[in-house]
C-alpha atoms as a PDB file:
ATOM      1  CA  MET A   1     -13.293  -8.931  20.512  1.00  0.00           C
ATOM      2  CA  ALA A   2     -12.815  -5.555  19.187  1.00  0.00           C
ATOM      3  CA  ALA A   3      -9.517  -4.486  17.000  1.00  0.00           C
ATOM      4  CA  LEU A   4      -7.312  -2.529  18.600  1.00  0.00           C
ATOM      5  CA  ASP A   5      -5.869  -0.787  15.595  1.00  0.00           C
ATOM      6  CA  ALA A   6      -7.321  -0.142  12.009  1.00  0.00           C
ATOM      7  CA  GLY A   7      -6.324  -1.918   9.081  1.00  0.00           C
ATOM      8  CA  PRO A   8      -7.525  -2.609   5.224  1.00  0.00           C
ATOM      9  CA  VAL A   9      -8.460  -6.533   5.556  1.00  0.00           C
ATOM     10  CA  ARG A  10     -10.086  -8.432   8.566  1.00  0.00           C
ATOM     11  CA  ALA A  11      -7.904 -11.617   8.316  1.00  0.00           C
ATOM     12  CA  VAL A  12      -5.238 -11.917  11.454  1.00  0.00           C
ATOM     13  CA  PRO A  13      -2.015 -14.416  10.594  1.00  0.00           C
ATOM     14  CA  GLU A  14      -1.888 -17.018  13.185  1.00  0.00           C
ATOM     15  CA  ILE A  15       1.444 -18.331  13.674  1.00  0.00           C
ATOM     16  CA  SER A  16       1.900 -21.679  12.552  1.00  0.00           C
ATOM     17  CA  SER A  17       5.602 -22.620  13.088  1.00  0.00           C
ATOM     18  CA  GLY A  18       6.554 -24.696  16.131  1.00  0.00           C
ATOM     19  CA  PRO A  19       9.017 -24.219  19.021  1.00  0.00           C
ATOM     20  CA  GLY A  20      12.776 -23.523  17.461  1.00  0.00           C
ATOM     21  CA  GLU A  21      11.511 -23.487  14.026  1.00  0.00           C
ATOM     22  CA  PRO A  22      12.029 -20.203  12.246  1.00  0.00           C
ATOM     23  CA  PRO A  23       8.799 -18.062  12.674  1.00  0.00           C
ATOM     24  CA  ARG A  24       6.273 -18.793  10.153  1.00  0.00           C
ATOM     25  CA  THR A  25       2.651 -17.559   9.706  1.00  0.00           C
ATOM     26  CA  THR A  26      -0.633 -18.309   7.747  1.00  0.00           C
ATOM     27  CA  VAL A  27      -3.780 -16.667   6.780  1.00  0.00           C
ATOM     28  CA  GLN A  28      -6.689 -17.101   4.549  1.00  0.00           C
ATOM     29  CA  VAL A  29      -7.376 -14.768   2.089  1.00  0.00           C
ATOM     30  CA  ASP A  30     -11.396 -14.379   2.152  1.00  0.00           C
ATOM     31  CA  ALA A  31     -13.518 -13.400  -0.914  1.00  0.00           C
ATOM     32  CA  ASP A  32     -15.526 -11.175   1.686  1.00  0.00           C
ATOM     33  CA  GLU A  33     -12.510  -8.997   2.274  1.00  0.00           C
ATOM     34  CA  ARG A  34     -13.518  -5.649   2.063  1.00  0.00           C
ATOM     35  CA  VAL A  35     -11.038  -4.320  -0.142  1.00  0.00           C
ATOM     36  CA  PHE A  36     -11.934  -6.586  -2.887  1.00  0.00           C
ATOM     37  CA  PRO A  37     -15.120  -4.857  -4.143  1.00  0.00           C
ATOM     38  CA  GLY A  38     -13.141  -1.493  -5.296  1.00  0.00           C
ATOM     39  CA  HIS A  39     -10.319  -3.063  -5.858  1.00  0.00           C
ATOM     40  CA  TYR A  40      -9.955  -3.630  -9.745  1.00  0.00           C
ATOM     41  CA  PRO A  41     -13.790  -4.395  -9.646  1.00  0.00           C
ATOM     42  CA  GLY A  42     -14.630  -7.348 -11.385  1.00  0.00           C
ATOM     43  CA  PHE A  43     -11.017  -8.706 -11.491  1.00  0.00           C
ATOM     44  CA  PRO A  44      -9.999  -9.611  -7.620  1.00  0.00           C
ATOM     45  CA  ILE A  45      -6.635  -9.015  -7.082  1.00  0.00           C
ATOM     46  CA  PHE A  46      -5.571  -8.609  -3.325  1.00  0.00           C
ATOM     47  CA  PRO A  47      -3.646  -5.606  -3.088  1.00  0.00           C
ATOM     48  CA  GLY A  48      -0.250  -5.732  -2.749  1.00  0.00           C
ATOM     49  CA  VAL A  49      -0.208  -3.395   0.144  1.00  0.00           C
ATOM     50  CA  CYS A  50      -2.136  -5.958   1.811  1.00  0.00           C
ATOM     51  CA  VAL A  51       0.071  -8.334   1.473  1.00  0.00           C
ATOM     52  CA  VAL A  52       2.606  -6.231   3.229  1.00  0.00           C
ATOM     53  CA  GLU A  53       0.263  -5.498   5.484  1.00  0.00           C
ATOM     54  CA  GLN A  54      -0.175  -9.134   6.377  1.00  0.00           C
ATOM     55  CA  VAL A  55       3.949  -9.137   6.657  1.00  0.00           C
ATOM     56  CA  ARG A  56       3.544  -6.111   9.108  1.00  0.00           C
ATOM     57  CA  ARG A  57       1.063  -8.189  11.046  1.00  0.00           C
ATOM     58  CA  SER A  58       3.013 -11.155  10.982  1.00  0.00           C
ATOM     59  CA  ALA A  59       6.346  -9.236  11.978  1.00  0.00           C
ATOM     60  CA  LEU A  60       4.341  -7.862  14.896  1.00  0.00           C
ATOM     61  CA  ALA A  61       3.146 -11.043  16.290  1.00  0.00           C
ATOM     62  CA  THR A  62       6.713 -12.945  16.212  1.00  0.00           C
ATOM     63  CA  VAL A  63       8.841 -10.034  17.486  1.00  0.00           C
ATOM     64  CA  PRO A  64      11.976 -11.292  19.187  1.00  0.00           C
ATOM     65  CA  ASP A  65      11.597 -10.651  23.140  1.00  0.00           C
ATOM     66  CA  GLN A  66      14.766  -9.187  23.372  1.00  0.00           C
ATOM     67  CA  ALA A  67      13.080  -6.377  20.966  1.00  0.00           C
ATOM     68  CA  GLY A  68      10.615  -5.106  23.153  1.00  0.00           C
ATOM     69  CA  LYS A  69       7.687  -3.138  21.735  1.00  0.00           C
ATOM     70  CA  VAL A  70       8.505  -2.227  18.330  1.00  0.00           C
ATOM     71  CA  ILE A  71       6.684  -0.331  15.650  1.00  0.00           C
ATOM     72  CA  VAL A  72       7.486  -0.447  11.583  1.00  0.00           C
ATOM     73  CA  ARG A  73       9.328   2.636  10.490  1.00  0.00           C
ATOM     74  CA  ALA A  74      10.441   1.641   7.121  1.00  0.00           C
ATOM     75  CA  ILE A  75       9.435  -0.571   4.336  1.00  0.00           C
ATOM     76  CA  GLU A  76      13.272  -0.995   3.139  1.00  0.00           C
ATOM     77  CA  SER A  77      12.360  -2.856   0.311  1.00  0.00           C
ATOM     78  CA  THR A  78       9.039  -4.951  -1.508  1.00  0.00           C
ATOM     79  CA  ARG A  79       9.381  -6.749  -4.473  1.00  0.00           C
ATOM     80  CA  PHE A  80       6.007  -8.597  -6.029  1.00  0.00           C
ATOM     81  CA  LEU A  81       6.340 -11.913  -7.575  1.00  0.00           C
ATOM     82  CA  SER A  82       2.850 -12.846  -8.257  1.00  0.00           C
ATOM     83  CA  PRO A  83      -0.708 -11.729  -7.628  1.00  0.00           C
ATOM     84  CA  VAL A  84      -2.638 -13.139  -4.739  1.00  0.00           C
ATOM     85  CA  PHE A  85      -6.308 -14.106  -5.451  1.00  0.00           C
ATOM     86  CA  PRO A  86      -9.407 -14.743  -3.053  1.00  0.00           C
ATOM     87  CA  GLY A  87      -9.179 -18.115  -1.873  1.00  0.00           C
ATOM     88  CA  ASP A  88      -5.649 -18.368  -1.521  1.00  0.00           C
ATOM     89  CA  ARG A  89      -4.037 -19.087   1.773  1.00  0.00           C
ATOM     90  CA  LEU A  90      -0.973 -16.606   2.246  1.00  0.00           C
ATOM     91  CA  THR A  91       1.909 -18.148   4.180  1.00  0.00           C
ATOM     92  CA  VAL A  92       4.749 -15.658   5.546  1.00  0.00           C
ATOM     93  CA  GLU A  93       8.116 -17.011   6.758  1.00  0.00           C
ATOM     94  CA  LEU A  94      10.285 -14.470   8.657  1.00  0.00           C
ATOM     95  CA  LYS A  95      13.512 -13.842   9.809  1.00  0.00           C
ATOM     96  CA  TRP A  96      14.870 -11.282  12.263  1.00  0.00           C
ATOM     97  CA  SER A  97      18.114  -9.678  12.856  1.00  0.00           C
ATOM     98  CA  PRO A  98      19.517  -6.738  14.644  1.00  0.00           C
ATOM     99  CA  ARG A  99      20.532  -3.365  12.756  1.00  0.00           C
ATOM    100  CA  GLY A 100      22.453  -0.716  14.741  1.00  0.00           C
ATOM    101  CA  GLY A 101      19.740  -0.206  17.218  1.00  0.00           C
ATOM    102  CA  ALA A 102      16.846  -0.739  15.318  1.00  0.00           C
ATOM    103  CA  TRP A 103      15.609  -4.364  13.776  1.00  0.00           C
ATOM    104  CA  ARG A 104      15.290  -6.047  10.342  1.00  0.00           C
ATOM    105  CA  CYS A 105      12.363  -8.164   9.287  1.00  0.00           C
ATOM    106  CA  GLU A 106      12.733 -10.145   6.130  1.00  0.00           C
ATOM    107  CA  ALA A 107       9.816 -11.856   5.019  1.00  0.00           C
ATOM    108  CA  VAL A 108       8.769 -14.194   2.047  1.00  0.00           C
ATOM    109  CA  ALA A 109       5.043 -14.355   1.337  1.00  0.00           C
ATOM    110  CA  SER A 110       3.754 -17.278  -0.646  1.00  0.00           C
ATOM    111  CA  THR A 111       0.908 -19.246  -1.969  1.00  0.00           C
ATOM    112  CA  GLY A 112       0.497 -22.694  -3.315  1.00  0.00           C
ATOM    113  CA  ARG A 113       1.371 -21.335  -6.850  1.00  0.00           C
ATOM    114  CA  GLY A 114       4.852 -20.087  -5.347  1.00  0.00           C
ATOM    115  CA  ARG A 115       6.386 -17.073  -4.191  1.00  0.00           C
ATOM    116  CA  ALA A 116       4.165 -13.642  -4.103  1.00  0.00           C
ATOM    117  CA  ALA A 117       6.295 -11.221  -2.600  1.00  0.00           C
ATOM    118  CA  THR A 118       9.614 -10.836  -0.988  1.00  0.00           C
ATOM    119  CA  VAL A 119       9.506  -7.895   1.883  1.00  0.00           C
ATOM    120  CA  ARG A 120      11.915  -6.078   4.394  1.00  0.00           C
ATOM    121  CA  LEU A 121      10.852  -3.919   7.108  1.00  0.00           C
ATOM    122  CA  ARG A 122      13.040  -1.716   9.818  1.00  0.00           C
ATOM    123  CA  LEU A 123      11.409  -1.948  13.202  1.00  0.00           C
ATOM    124  CA  VAL A 124      12.402   0.561  15.926  1.00  0.00           C
ATOM    125  CA  ALA A 125      11.306   0.833  19.542  1.00  0.00           C
ATOM    126  CA  ALA A 126       7.549   2.205  19.882  1.00  0.00           C
ATOM    127  CA  THR A 127       8.955   5.086  21.986  1.00  0.00           C
ATOM    128  CA  GLU A 128      11.255   6.339  19.377  1.00  0.00           C
ATOM    129  CA  GLU A 129      10.797   9.709  17.627  1.00  0.00           C
ATOM    130  CA  PRO A 130      11.681  10.111  13.835  1.00  0.00           C
ATOM    131  CA  GLY A 131      12.158  14.029  14.496  1.00  0.00           C
ATOM    132  CA  PRO A 132      10.493  16.372  12.677  1.00  0.00           C
ATOM    133  CA  ALA A 133      10.632  17.327   9.297  1.00  0.00           C
ATOM    134  CA  THR A 134       9.248  20.088   7.235  1.00  0.00           C
ATOM    135  CA  GLU A 135       8.698  20.823   3.601  1.00  0.00           C
ATOM    136  CA  ALA A 136      11.791  22.234   3.264  1.00  0.00           C
ATOM    137  CA  GLU A 137      13.224  18.870   3.647  1.00  0.00           C
ATOM    138  CA  ALA A 138      11.334  17.467   0.726  1.00  0.00           C
ATOM    139  CA  GLY A 139      14.162  16.280  -1.058  1.00  0.00           C
ATOM    140  CA  GLY A 140      14.218  19.319  -3.214  1.00  0.00           C
ATOM    141  CA  ALA A 141      10.665  18.824  -4.949  1.00  0.00           C
ATOM    142  CA  PRO A 142       9.040  21.399  -6.937  1.00  0.00           C
ATOM    143  CA  ARG A 143       6.549  23.308  -5.594  1.00  0.00           C
ATOM    144  CA  PRO A 144       2.915  22.989  -7.344  1.00  0.00           C
ATOM    145  CA  GLY A 145       3.057  25.385 -10.169  1.00  0.00           C
ATOM    146  CA  THR A 146       6.724  25.246 -10.784  1.00  0.00           C
ATOM    147  CA  GLY A 147       8.987  23.181 -12.841  1.00  0.00           C
ATOM    148  CA  THR A 148       9.594  22.649 -16.406  1.00  0.00           C
ATOM    149  CA  GLY A 149       6.387  21.138 -17.910  1.00  0.00           C
ATOM    150  CA  THR A 150       3.034  22.384 -18.954  1.00  0.00           C
ATOM    151  CA  GLY A 151       0.169  21.286 -16.499  1.00  0.00           C
ATOM    152  CA  VAL A 152      -3.144  20.370 -17.305  1.00  0.00           C
ATOM    153  CA  GLY A 153      -4.643  21.788 -14.304  1.00  0.00           C
ATOM    154  CA  ALA A 154      -6.419  20.356 -11.332  1.00  0.00           C
ATOM    155  CA  LEU A 155      -8.625  17.060 -11.330  1.00  0.00           C
ATOM    156  CA  THR A 156     -11.838  16.401  -9.672  1.00  0.00           C
ATOM    157  CA  ILE A 157     -12.682  12.991  -8.731  1.00  0.00           C
ATOM    158  CA  GLY A 158     -15.018  12.426 -11.679  1.00  0.00           C
ATOM    159  CA  GLN A 159     -11.823  12.785 -13.548  1.00  0.00           C
ATOM    160  CA  ILE A 160      -9.675  10.859 -11.407  1.00  0.00           C
ATOM    161  CA  LYS A 161     -12.448   7.679 -11.756  1.00  0.00           C
ATOM    162  CA  LYS A 162     -11.924   8.001 -15.786  1.00  0.00           C
ATOM    163  CA  VAL A 163      -8.207   7.302 -15.233  1.00  0.00           C
ATOM    164  CA  LEU A 164      -8.229   4.574 -12.268  1.00  0.00           C
ATOM    165  CA  PRO A 165     -10.288   1.444 -11.774  1.00  0.00           C
ATOM    166  CA  HIS A 166     -10.287   1.864  -8.338  1.00  0.00           C
ATOM    167  CA  ARG A 167     -13.739   2.312  -6.460  1.00  0.00           C
ATOM    168  CA  TYR A 168     -15.192   2.439  -2.861  1.00  0.00           C
ATOM    169  CA  PRO A 169     -13.899   1.802  -0.385  1.00  0.00           C
ATOM    170  CA  MET A 170     -10.612   1.786  -2.435  1.00  0.00           C
ATOM    171  CA  LEU A 171     -10.341   4.506  -4.409  1.00  0.00           C
ATOM    172  CA  LEU A 172      -7.847   6.637  -2.123  1.00  0.00           C
ATOM    173  CA  VAL A 173      -7.154   9.952  -3.677  1.00  0.00           C
ATOM    174  CA  ASP A 174      -9.920  12.768  -3.436  1.00  0.00           C
ATOM    175  CA  ARG A 175      -8.489  15.604  -5.448  1.00  0.00           C
ATOM    176  CA  VAL A 176      -5.543  16.298  -8.080  1.00  0.00           C
ATOM    177  CA  ASP A 177      -4.317  19.759  -7.723  1.00  0.00           C
ATOM    178  CA  GLU A 178      -1.773  19.613 -10.060  1.00  0.00           C
ATOM    179  CA  LEU A 179      -0.405  17.305 -13.013  1.00  0.00           C
ATOM    180  CA  VAL A 180       2.453  17.873 -15.571  1.00  0.00           C
ATOM    181  CA  PRO A 181       2.506  14.813 -17.890  1.00  0.00           C
ATOM    182  CA  ALA A 182       5.645  12.980 -17.603  1.00  0.00           C
ATOM    183  CA  GLU A 183       7.132  14.500 -14.976  1.00  0.00           C
ATOM    184  CA  ARG A 184       5.214  15.139 -11.616  1.00  0.00           C
ATOM    185  CA  LEU A 185       1.827  15.436 -10.015  1.00  0.00           C
ATOM    186  CA  THR A 186       0.380  16.452  -6.805  1.00  0.00           C
ATOM    187  CA  ALA A 187      -2.789  15.072  -5.048  1.00  0.00           C
ATOM    188  CA  VAL A 188      -4.931  15.504  -1.951  1.00  0.00           C
ATOM    189  CA  LYS A 189      -6.220  12.630   0.561  1.00  0.00           C
ATOM    190  CA  ALA A 190      -8.524  13.494   3.253  1.00  0.00           C
ATOM    191  CA  VAL A 191      -8.361  11.047   5.999  1.00  0.00           C
ATOM    192  CA  THR A 192     -11.784  10.799   7.862  1.00  0.00           C
ATOM    193  CA  CYS A 193     -13.065   8.276  11.083  1.00  0.00           C
ATOM    194  CA  ASN A 194     -15.696   7.381   8.736  1.00  0.00           C
ATOM    195  CA  GLU A 195     -13.693   5.067   6.845  1.00  0.00           C
ATOM    196  CA  PRO A 196     -14.639   1.362   6.887  1.00  0.00           C
ATOM    197  CA  TRP A 197     -11.077   0.634   8.183  1.00  0.00           C
ATOM    198  CA  TYR A 198     -12.407   1.989  11.696  1.00  0.00           C
ATOM    199  CA  GLN A 199     -15.536   0.301  12.011  1.00  0.00           C
ATOM    200  CA  ASP A 200     -14.324  -2.785  13.909  1.00  0.00           C
ATOM    201  CA  LEU A 201     -12.498  -0.589  16.389  1.00  0.00           C
ATOM    202  CA  GLY A 202     -13.933  -0.919  20.150  1.00  0.00           C
ATOM    203  CA  GLU A 203     -14.632   2.076  22.200  1.00  0.00           C
ATOM    204  CA  GLU A 204     -11.276   1.608  24.270  1.00  0.00           C
ATOM    205  CA  ALA A 205      -9.397   2.478  20.963  1.00  0.00           C
ATOM    206  CA  GLY A 206      -7.123   5.488  21.163  1.00  0.00           C
ATOM    207  CA  ASP A 207      -5.354   8.035  19.345  1.00  0.00           C
ATOM    208  CA  GLU A 208      -2.802   5.136  18.341  1.00  0.00           C
ATOM    209  CA  GLY A 209      -5.397   2.956  17.456  1.00  0.00           C
ATOM    210  CA  HIS A 210      -7.048   5.050  15.099  1.00  0.00           C
ATOM    211  CA  ALA A 211      -3.751   5.971  13.078  1.00  0.00           C
ATOM    212  CA  TYR A 212      -4.485   5.707   9.247  1.00  0.00           C
ATOM    213  CA  PRO A 213      -3.289   2.217   8.417  1.00  0.00           C
ATOM    214  CA  GLN A 214       0.446   2.470   7.058  1.00  0.00           C
ATOM    215  CA  ALA A 215      -0.418   0.099   4.182  1.00  0.00           C
ATOM    216  CA  LEU A 216      -3.373   2.451   2.795  1.00  0.00           C
ATOM    217  CA  LEU A 217      -0.688   5.372   3.215  1.00  0.00           C
ATOM    218  CA  VAL A 218       1.674   3.846   0.802  1.00  0.00           C
ATOM    219  CA  GLU A 219      -1.529   2.680  -1.396  1.00  0.00           C
ATOM    220  CA  SER A 220      -3.131   6.254  -1.815  1.00  0.00           C
ATOM    221  CA  TRP A 221       0.341   7.635  -2.846  1.00  0.00           C
ATOM    222  CA  CYS A 222       0.582   4.921  -5.495  1.00  0.00           C
ATOM    223  CA  GLN A 223      -2.582   5.863  -6.721  1.00  0.00           C
ATOM    224  CA  ALA A 224      -1.332   9.201  -7.104  1.00  0.00           C
ATOM    225  CA  ALA A 225       1.567   7.939  -9.118  1.00  0.00           C
ATOM    226  CA  GLY A 226      -0.914   6.068 -10.999  1.00  0.00           C
ATOM    227  CA  VAL A 227      -2.935   8.648 -12.132  1.00  0.00           C
ATOM    228  CA  LEU A 228       0.308  10.202 -13.454  1.00  0.00           C
ATOM    229  CA  ALA A 229       1.515   6.979 -15.212  1.00  0.00           C
ATOM    230  CA  ALA A 230      -2.029   6.201 -16.874  1.00  0.00           C
ATOM    231  CA  TRP A 231      -3.017   9.838 -17.526  1.00  0.00           C
ATOM    232  CA  ASP A 232      -2.390   9.542 -21.312  1.00  0.00           C
ATOM    233  CA  ARG A 233      -3.335   5.968 -21.705  1.00  0.00           C
ATOM    234  CA  PRO A 234      -6.323   5.339 -19.046  1.00  0.00           C
ATOM    235  CA  ASN A 235      -7.874   2.227 -18.643  1.00  0.00           C
ATOM    236  CA  PRO A 236     -10.936   1.903 -16.080  1.00  0.00           C
ATOM    237  CA  ASP A 237     -11.945  -0.969 -17.347  1.00  0.00           C
ATOM    238  CA  VAL A 238      -9.477  -3.838 -16.257  1.00  0.00           C
ATOM    239  CA  LEU A 239     -10.821  -6.507 -17.860  1.00  0.00           C
ATOM    240  CA  SER A 240      -9.694  -5.591 -21.062  1.00  0.00           C
ATOM    241  CA  GLY A 241      -6.243  -3.669 -22.353  1.00  0.00           C
ATOM    242  CA  GLN A 242      -3.399  -2.987 -19.693  1.00  0.00           C
ATOM    243  CA  VAL A 243      -4.005  -3.468 -15.825  1.00  0.00           C
ATOM    244  CA  MET A 244      -1.761  -1.374 -13.558  1.00  0.00           C
ATOM    245  CA  LEU A 245       0.727  -3.504 -11.276  1.00  0.00           C
ATOM    246  CA  PHE A 246       3.138  -2.807  -8.189  1.00  0.00           C
ATOM    247  CA  GLY A 247       6.688  -4.292  -9.485  1.00  0.00           C
ATOM    248  CA  SER A 248       8.355  -3.120  -6.166  1.00  0.00           C
ATOM    249  CA  ILE A 249       8.402  -0.618  -3.415  1.00  0.00           C
ATOM    250  CA  SER A 250      11.600   0.609  -1.611  1.00  0.00           C
ATOM    251  CA  ASP A 251      12.930   3.050   0.934  1.00  0.00           C
ATOM    252  CA  VAL A 252       9.740   3.855   2.429  1.00  0.00           C
ATOM    253  CA  VAL A 253      10.211   5.993   5.458  1.00  0.00           C
ATOM    254  CA  LEU A 254       7.085   6.330   7.877  1.00  0.00           C
ATOM    255  CA  ARG A 255       7.745   9.321   9.589  1.00  0.00           C
ATOM    256  CA  ARG A 256       4.674   9.378  12.203  1.00  0.00           C
ATOM    257  CA  PRO A 257       1.208   8.416  12.356  1.00  0.00           C
ATOM    258  CA  VAL A 258      -1.706  10.077  10.542  1.00  0.00           C
ATOM    259  CA  LEU A 259      -4.837  10.482  12.327  1.00  0.00           C
ATOM    260  CA  PRO A 260      -8.432  11.167  10.828  1.00  0.00           C
ATOM    261  CA  GLY A 261      -8.792  14.815  10.339  1.00  0.00           C
ATOM    262  CA  GLU A 262      -5.510  15.429   8.537  1.00  0.00           C
ATOM    263  CA  VAL A 263      -5.380  16.537   4.839  1.00  0.00           C
ATOM    264  CA  LEU A 264      -2.386  14.618   3.016  1.00  0.00           C
ATOM    265  CA  GLU A 265      -0.357  15.980   0.106  1.00  0.00           C
ATOM    266  CA  HIS A 266       1.169  13.663  -2.116  1.00  0.00           C
ATOM    267  CA  ARG A 267       3.782  14.529  -4.254  1.00  0.00           C
ATOM    268  CA  VAL A 268       4.826  12.561  -6.919  1.00  0.00           C
ATOM    269  CA  ARG A 269       7.843  12.912  -9.494  1.00  0.00           C
ATOM    270  CA  LEU A 270       8.602  10.533 -12.569  1.00  0.00           C
ATOM    271  CA  VAL A 271      11.709   9.426 -12.267  1.00  0.00           C
ATOM    272  CA  ARG A 272      11.800   7.410 -15.710  1.00  0.00           C
ATOM    273  CA  ALA A 273       9.379   5.680 -17.746  1.00  0.00           C
ATOM    274  CA  LEU A 274      10.902   2.311 -19.570  1.00  0.00           C
ATOM    275  CA  SER A 275       7.876   0.930 -22.160  1.00  0.00           C
ATOM    276  CA  ASP A 276       5.437  -0.419 -19.882  1.00  0.00           C
ATOM    277  CA  THR A 277       7.302   0.253 -16.639  1.00  0.00           C
ATOM    278  CA  VAL A 278       7.362   3.407 -14.595  1.00  0.00           C
ATOM    279  CA  ILE A 279       9.532   4.601 -11.622  1.00  0.00           C
ATOM    280  CA  PHE A 280       8.709   7.027  -9.168  1.00  0.00           C
ATOM    281  CA  GLU A 281       9.810   9.008  -5.979  1.00  0.00           C
ATOM    282  CA  GLY A 282       8.010  11.581  -3.744  1.00  0.00           C
ATOM    283  CA  GLU A 283       6.931  12.419  -0.493  1.00  0.00           C
ATOM    284  CA  CYS A 284       3.405  12.886   1.602  1.00  0.00           C
ATOM    285  CA  LEU A 285       2.923  15.810   3.689  1.00  0.00           C
ATOM    286  CA  SER A 286       0.598  16.963   6.197  1.00  0.00           C
ATOM    287  CA  ALA A 287       0.157  20.915   6.781  1.00  0.00           C
ATOM    288  CA  GLY A 288       3.637  21.207   5.403  1.00  0.00           C
ATOM    289  CA  GLU A 289       5.393  18.337   7.304  1.00  0.00           C
ATOM    290  CA  ILE A 290       6.576  15.412   5.867  1.00  0.00           C
ATOM    291  CA  VAL A 291       4.738  12.247   7.138  1.00  0.00           C
ATOM    292  CA  MET A 292       6.079   9.744   4.474  1.00  0.00           C
ATOM    293  CA  GLU A 293       8.964   9.425   2.253  1.00  0.00           C
ATOM    294  CA  VAL A 294       8.668   7.203  -0.694  1.00  0.00           C
ATOM    295  CA  GLY A 295      12.142   6.368  -2.140  1.00  0.00           C
ATOM    296  CA  ARG A 296      11.355   4.460  -5.307  1.00  0.00           C
ATOM    297  CA  VAL A 297       8.122   2.684  -6.669  1.00  0.00           C
ATOM    298  CA  VAL A 298       7.869   0.722  -9.841  1.00  0.00           C
ATOM    299  CA  MET A 299       5.039  -0.083 -11.863  1.00  0.00           C
ATOM    300  CA  ALA A 300       4.096  -1.680 -14.525  1.00  0.00           C
ATOM    301  CA  MET A 301       1.464  -2.505 -16.984  1.00  0.00           C
ATOM    302  CA  ARG A 302       0.226  -5.875 -18.170  1.00  0.00           C
ATOM    303  CA  PRO A 303      -2.019  -7.399 -20.475  1.00  0.00           C
ATOM    304  CA  ALA A 304      -5.399  -8.370 -18.472  1.00  0.00           C
ATOM    305  CA  GLY A 305      -5.494 -11.822 -20.602  1.00  0.00           C
ATOM    306  CA  GLU A 306      -1.934 -12.486 -19.148  1.00  0.00           C
ATOM    307  CA  LEU A 307      -3.430 -12.024 -15.463  1.00  0.00           C
ATOM    308  CA  THR A 308      -6.779 -13.786 -15.949  1.00  0.00           C
ATOM    309  CA  GLY A 309      -4.875 -16.589 -17.078  1.00  0.00           C
ATOM    310  CA  ALA A 310      -3.172 -16.947 -13.664  1.00  0.00           C
ATOM    311  CA  LEU A 311      -6.459 -16.907 -11.893  1.00  0.00           C
ATOM    312  CA  PRO A 312      -6.536 -20.505  -9.806  1.00  0.00           C
ATOM    313  CA  ALA A 313      -9.074 -22.864 -11.511  1.00  0.00           C
ATOM    314  CA  ALA A 314     -10.563 -24.326  -8.178  1.00  0.00           C
ATOM    315  CA  PRO A 315     -11.857 -21.091  -6.128  1.00  0.00           C
ATOM    316  CA  ALA A 316     -13.681 -19.763  -9.080  1.00  0.00           C
ATOM    317  CA  ALA A 317     -16.861 -19.313  -7.234  1.00  0.00           C
ATOM    318  CA  VAL A 318     -15.092 -17.498  -4.341  1.00  0.00           C
ATOM    319  CA  ALA A 319     -13.533 -15.322  -6.869  1.00  0.00           C
ATOM    320  CA  ALA A 320     -17.127 -14.809  -8.279  1.00  0.00           C
ATOM    321  CA  GLY A 321     -18.261 -13.644  -5.177  1.00  0.00           C
ATOM    322  CA  ALA A 322     -15.479 -11.093  -4.824  1.00  0.00           C
ATOM    323  CA  HIS A 323     -17.224  -8.896  -6.668  1.00  0.00           C
ATOM    324  CA  GLN A 324     -20.422  -8.420  -5.650  1.00  0.00           C
ATOM    325  CA  GLY A 325     -21.368  -4.929  -4.771  1.00  0.00           C
END
């Protein structure tokens, strides 16, 4: 059966709770998921945004009857606690509660090694309109070419690949228009219907089905932030040195769907840098309209050896297969 919407992962969570029990889903993280070849090639880690995506799918599969048809309007908070690897079985436990005309879904995602992430989503009626938002509402963000720092100019895709370890199909930044080290960055991502996330859509999928996956919209913005974070200490080889990981994401508001043909402008501002941890905020615009607001993203640099030591021993063959291609 063809998918009705686009998504970065193929596996679909299955409801595993019984009648009268709190909602719970499970899903197998297979090594052949299409995100693995391009997300830290040679060192397969299930992207944090894909964990959030599986929580989103789990939430939509367990919506309370009284809520009706809902959509995710905001990622209120996410905290990443441990990595997820190929071969893991992800369990998502959910708790629903009404919140002022909307619904809050709190989730804990776990593997056999313990908690992997906690996620809190805000969902609203599918018919609710978020209201227009323009560039003037972008939180006082400085326009490209303004500010106190000295920029390094535009970066091409070749230069971006010298900073970020991501590769096809998970390299989601096409160009950097402005980079002021330790201050701000403006980057561009063009959305096209030829991206692999759309290949499973059936002919009946309309515009709603072609909405760019919310998880990848967040991932693309965070990769732009990653360029700013790693500009002065690039490490495209994740098998050595420091690896960039999500620490937490909060107050992300998804204002409207993004469709193929749109050119996104990611605006990233560095709020604080503390040793090996950096904090960002910003927004994503399309043709001057805000499509996503990012309240806070925390990224941390961790030694590669510390993470490889956490790789589960049993699925070693599975992990090896994940970095083919």
